[in-house]
PDB file of N, CA and C in Angstrom:
ATOM      1  N   MET A   1      13.554 -20.852  27.510  1.00  0.00           N
ATOM      2  CA  MET A   1      12.649 -21.959  27.253  1.00  0.00           C
ATOM      3  C   MET A   1      11.280 -21.377  26.921  1.00  0.00           C
ATOM      4  N   GLY A   2      10.707 -21.840  25.834  1.00  0.00           N
ATOM      5  CA  GLY A   2       9.401 -21.365  25.402  1.00  0.00           C
ATOM      6  C   GLY A   2       8.272 -22.128  26.073  1.00  0.00           C
ATOM      7  N   ARG A   3       7.101 -21.582  25.932  1.00  0.00           N
ATOM      8  CA  ARG A   3       5.930 -22.241  26.490  1.00  0.00           C
ATOM      9  C   ARG A   3       5.735 -23.585  25.793  1.00  0.00           C
ATOM     10  N   GLY A   4       5.572 -24.635  26.537  1.00  0.00           N
ATOM     11  CA  GLY A   4       5.370 -25.955  25.967  1.00  0.00           C
ATOM     12  C   GLY A   4       6.645 -26.743  25.739  1.00  0.00           C
ATOM     13  N   ASP A   5       7.820 -26.114  25.914  1.00  0.00           N
ATOM     14  CA  ASP A   5       9.075 -26.843  25.770  1.00  0.00           C
ATOM     15  C   ASP A   5       9.287 -27.745  26.979  1.00  0.00           C
ATOM     16  N   LEU A   6      10.172 -28.710  26.825  1.00  0.00           N
ATOM     17  CA  LEU A   6      10.475 -29.612  27.930  1.00  0.00           C
ATOM     18  C   LEU A   6      11.148 -28.860  29.073  1.00  0.00           C
ATOM     19  N   THR A   7      10.735 -29.173  30.288  1.00  0.00           N
ATOM     20  CA  THR A   7      11.411 -28.610  31.451  1.00  0.00           C
ATOM     21  C   THR A   7      12.721 -29.358  31.657  1.00  0.00           C
ATOM     22  N   ASP A   8      13.587 -28.824  32.501  1.00  0.00           N
ATOM     23  CA  ASP A   8      14.858 -29.490  32.784  1.00  0.00           C
ATOM     24  C   ASP A   8      14.629 -30.862  33.414  1.00  0.00           C
ATOM     25  N   LEU A   9      13.625 -30.979  34.264  1.00  0.00           N
ATOM     26  CA  LEU A   9      13.329 -32.271  34.907  1.00  0.00           C
ATOM     27  C   LEU A   9      12.833 -33.288  33.878  1.00  0.00           C
ATOM     28  N   GLU A  10      11.946 -32.866  32.986  1.00  0.00           N
ATOM     29  CA  GLU A  10      11.459 -33.768  31.932  1.00  0.00           C
ATOM     30  C   GLU A  10      12.601 -34.198  31.023  1.00  0.00           C
ATOM     31  N   TRP A  11      13.468 -33.251  30.671  1.00  0.00           N
ATOM     32  CA  TRP A  11      14.594 -33.565  29.805  1.00  0.00           C
ATOM     33  C   TRP A  11      15.546 -34.542  30.471  1.00  0.00           C
ATOM     34  N   ALA A  12      15.789 -34.379  31.756  1.00  0.00           N
ATOM     35  CA  ALA A  12      16.690 -35.275  32.487  1.00  0.00           C
ATOM     36  C   ALA A  12      16.157 -36.710  32.480  1.00  0.00           C
ATOM     37  N   ARG A  13      14.849 -36.872  32.480  1.00  0.00           N
ATOM     38  CA  ARG A  13      14.262 -38.221  32.438  1.00  0.00           C
ATOM     39  C   ARG A  13      14.311 -38.818  31.031  1.00  0.00           C
ATOM     40  N   LEU A  14      14.230 -37.979  30.010  1.00  0.00           N
ATOM     41  CA  LEU A  14      14.185 -38.461  28.631  1.00  0.00           C
ATOM     42  C   LEU A  14      15.564 -38.683  28.021  1.00  0.00           C
ATOM     43  N   GLU A  15      16.518 -37.838  28.346  1.00  0.00           N
ATOM     44  CA  GLU A  15      17.829 -37.848  27.697  1.00  0.00           C
ATOM     45  C   GLU A  15      18.555 -39.191  27.725  1.00  0.00           C
ATOM     46  N   PRO A  16      18.534 -39.951  28.822  1.00  0.00           N
ATOM     47  CA  PRO A  16      19.253 -41.238  28.808  1.00  0.00           C
ATOM     48  C   PRO A  16      18.723 -42.246  27.784  1.00  0.00           C
ATOM     49  N   HIS A  17      17.514 -42.048  27.291  1.00  0.00           N
ATOM     50  CA  HIS A  17      16.903 -42.988  26.350  1.00  0.00           C
ATOM     51  C   HIS A  17      17.179 -42.636  24.888  1.00  0.00           C
ATOM     52  N   LEU A  18      17.842 -41.516  24.644  1.00  0.00           N
ATOM     53  CA  LEU A  18      18.138 -41.080  23.283  1.00  0.00           C
ATOM     54  C   LEU A  18      19.521 -41.558  22.855  1.00  0.00           C
ATOM     55  N   PRO A  19      19.721 -41.726  21.542  1.00  0.00           N
ATOM     56  CA  PRO A  19      21.047 -42.155  21.072  1.00  0.00           C
ATOM     57  C   PRO A  19      22.085 -41.062  21.320  1.00  0.00           C
ATOM     58  N   LYS A  20      23.311 -41.482  21.522  1.00  0.00           N
ATOM     59  CA  LYS A  20      24.417 -40.551  21.750  1.00  0.00           C
ATOM     60  C   LYS A  20      24.937 -40.043  20.410  1.00  0.00           C
ATOM     61  N   ASN A  21      25.388 -38.801  20.383  1.00  0.00           N
ATOM     62  CA  ASN A  21      25.988 -38.208  19.184  1.00  0.00           C
ATOM     63  C   ASN A  21      27.486 -38.455  19.214  1.00  0.00           C
ATOM     64  N   THR A  22      27.888 -39.636  18.815  1.00  0.00           N
ATOM     65  CA  THR A  22      29.311 -39.964  18.801  1.00  0.00           C
ATOM     66  C   THR A  22      29.705 -40.461  17.418  1.00  0.00           C
ATOM     67  N   GLY A  23      30.918 -40.157  17.028  1.00  0.00           N
ATOM     68  CA  GLY A  23      31.434 -40.671  15.761  1.00  0.00           C
ATOM     69  C   GLY A  23      30.718 -40.095  14.558  1.00  0.00           C
ATOM     70  N   ARG A  24      30.762 -40.845  13.482  1.00  0.00           N
ATOM     71  CA  ARG A  24      30.133 -40.411  12.239  1.00  0.00           C
ATOM     72  C   ARG A  24      28.623 -40.472  12.341  1.00  0.00           C
ATOM     73  N   GLY A  25      28.004 -39.573  11.616  1.00  0.00           N
ATOM     74  CA  GLY A  25      26.552 -39.592  11.538  1.00  0.00           C
ATOM     75  C   GLY A  25      25.855 -38.790  12.614  1.00  0.00           C
ATOM     76  N   GLY A  26      26.574 -38.255  13.576  1.00  0.00           N
ATOM     77  CA  GLY A  26      25.943 -37.437  14.600  1.00  0.00           C
ATOM     78  C   GLY A  26      25.698 -36.047  14.058  1.00  0.00           C
ATOM     79  N   ARG A  27      24.480 -35.801  13.570  1.00  0.00           N
ATOM     80  CA  ARG A  27      24.270 -34.545  12.866  1.00  0.00           C
ATOM     81  C   ARG A  27      23.600 -33.462  13.694  1.00  0.00           C
ATOM     82  N   TRP A  28      23.137 -33.766  14.896  1.00  0.00           N
ATOM     83  CA  TRP A  28      22.527 -32.749  15.733  1.00  0.00           C
ATOM     84  C   TRP A  28      23.398 -32.478  16.939  1.00  0.00           C
ATOM     85  N   LYS A  29      23.559 -31.213  17.258  1.00  0.00           N
ATOM     86  CA  LYS A  29      24.308 -30.862  18.453  1.00  0.00           C
ATOM     87  C   LYS A  29      23.469 -31.102  19.696  1.00  0.00           C
ATOM     88  N   SER A  30      22.164 -30.958  19.555  1.00  0.00           N
ATOM     89  CA  SER A  30      21.279 -31.120  20.705  1.00  0.00           C
ATOM     90  C   SER A  30      19.980 -31.798  20.280  1.00  0.00           C
ATOM     91  N   HIS A  31      19.694 -32.937  20.861  1.00  0.00           N
ATOM     92  CA  HIS A  31      18.419 -33.604  20.598  1.00  0.00           C
ATOM     93  C   HIS A  31      17.267 -32.789  21.180  1.00  0.00           C
ATOM     94  N   ARG A  32      17.553 -32.014  22.201  1.00  0.00           N
ATOM     95  CA  ARG A  32      16.501 -31.247  22.865  1.00  0.00           C
ATOM     96  C   ARG A  32      15.846 -30.256  21.905  1.00  0.00           C
ATOM     97  N   VAL A  33      16.631 -29.614  21.070  1.00  0.00           N
ATOM     98  CA  VAL A  33      16.084 -28.661  20.101  1.00  0.00           C
ATOM     99  C   VAL A  33      15.154 -29.379  19.124  1.00  0.00           C
ATOM    100  N   ILE A  34      15.554 -30.542  18.665  1.00  0.00           N
ATOM    101  CA  ILE A  34      14.735 -31.313  17.722  1.00  0.00           C
ATOM    102  C   ILE A  34      13.418 -31.727  18.367  1.00  0.00           C
ATOM    103  N   ILE A  35      13.485 -32.247  19.578  1.00  0.00           N
ATOM    104  CA  ILE A  35      12.274 -32.705  20.262  1.00  0.00           C
ATOM    105  C   ILE A  35      11.346 -31.534  20.568  1.00  0.00           C
ATOM    106  N   ASP A  36      11.898 -30.403  21.005  1.00  0.00           N
ATOM    107  CA  ASP A  36      11.060 -29.228  21.241  1.00  0.00           C
ATOM    108  C   ASP A  36      10.407 -28.761  19.944  1.00  0.00           C
ATOM    109  N   GLY A  37      11.109 -28.861  18.817  1.00  0.00           N
ATOM    110  CA  GLY A  37      10.529 -28.502  17.522  1.00  0.00           C
ATOM    111  C   GLY A  37       9.380 -29.420  17.134  1.00  0.00           C
ATOM    112  N   ILE A  38       9.530 -30.703  17.413  1.00  0.00           N
ATOM    113  CA  ILE A  38       8.454 -31.664  17.127  1.00  0.00           C
ATOM    114  C   ILE A  38       7.229 -31.356  17.983  1.00  0.00           C
ATOM    115  N   PHE A  39       7.443 -31.071  19.262  1.00  0.00           N
ATOM    116  CA  PHE A  39       6.319 -30.717  20.135  1.00  0.00           C
ATOM    117  C   PHE A  39       5.646 -29.423  19.671  1.00  0.00           C
ATOM    118  N   PHE A  40       6.436 -28.446  19.221  1.00  0.00           N
ATOM    119  CA  PHE A  40       5.875 -27.199  18.710  1.00  0.00           C
ATOM    120  C   PHE A  40       4.987 -27.466  17.509  1.00  0.00           C
ATOM    121  N   ARG A  41       5.462 -28.323  16.612  1.00  0.00           N
ATOM    122  CA  ARG A  41       4.684 -28.668  15.425  1.00  0.00           C
ATOM    123  C   ARG A  41       3.373 -29.345  15.808  1.00  0.00           C
ATOM    124  N   GLN A  42       3.423 -30.231  16.784  1.00  0.00           N
ATOM    125  CA  GLN A  42       2.216 -30.921  17.234  1.00  0.00           C
ATOM    126  C   GLN A  42       1.224 -29.952  17.878  1.00  0.00           C
ATOM    127  N   ARG A  43       1.731 -28.993  18.663  1.00  0.00           N
ATOM    128  CA  ARG A  43       0.857 -28.019  19.332  1.00  0.00           C
ATOM    129  C   ARG A  43       0.179 -27.088  18.340  1.00  0.00           C
ATOM    130  N   THR A  44       0.919 -26.627  17.345  1.00  0.00           N
ATOM    131  CA  THR A  44       0.409 -25.599  16.454  1.00  0.00           C
ATOM    132  C   THR A  44      -0.230 -26.141  15.181  1.00  0.00           C
ATOM    133  N   GLY A  45       0.166 -27.340  14.774  1.00  0.00           N
ATOM    134  CA  GLY A  45      -0.381 -27.923  13.557  1.00  0.00           C
ATOM    135  C   GLY A  45       0.227 -27.381  12.276  1.00  0.00           C
ATOM    136  N   ILE A  46       1.372 -26.697  12.368  1.00  0.00           N
ATOM    137  CA  ILE A  46       1.994 -26.153  11.165  1.00  0.00           C
ATOM    138  C   ILE A  46       2.546 -27.299  10.300  1.00  0.00           C
ATOM    139  N   PRO A  47       2.642 -27.080   8.996  1.00  0.00           N
ATOM    140  CA  PRO A  47       3.250 -28.101   8.130  1.00  0.00           C
ATOM    141  C   PRO A  47       4.719 -28.288   8.456  1.00  0.00           C
ATOM    142  N   TRP A  48       5.239 -29.492   8.238  1.00  0.00           N
ATOM    143  CA  TRP A  48       6.645 -29.784   8.515  1.00  0.00           C
ATOM    144  C   TRP A  48       7.573 -28.844   7.778  1.00  0.00           C
ATOM    145  N   ARG A  49       7.239 -28.486   6.547  1.00  0.00           N
ATOM    146  CA  ARG A  49       8.128 -27.632   5.749  1.00  0.00           C
ATOM    147  C   ARG A  49       8.285 -26.254   6.378  1.00  0.00           C
ATOM    148  N   ASP A  50       7.317 -25.799   7.166  1.00  0.00           N
ATOM    149  CA  ASP A  50       7.396 -24.488   7.814  1.00  0.00           C
ATOM    150  C   ASP A  50       8.163 -24.531   9.117  1.00  0.00           C
ATOM    151  N   LEU A  51       8.452 -25.712   9.596  1.00  0.00           N
ATOM    152  CA  LEU A  51       9.186 -25.846  10.852  1.00  0.00           C
ATOM    153  C   LEU A  51      10.626 -25.512  10.607  1.00  0.00           C
TER     154      LEU A  51
END
């Protein structure tokens, strides 16, 4: 886990509110990676294309 990423406790509180990856259209194996990437972008200010 990198600096600024969600802790296990924070993730446990957030995960029930996210959509489930079931059936067609589930394109991410882990929502946690996506959310940590969004937080990284917000912290650093890098352009989306560089993420």
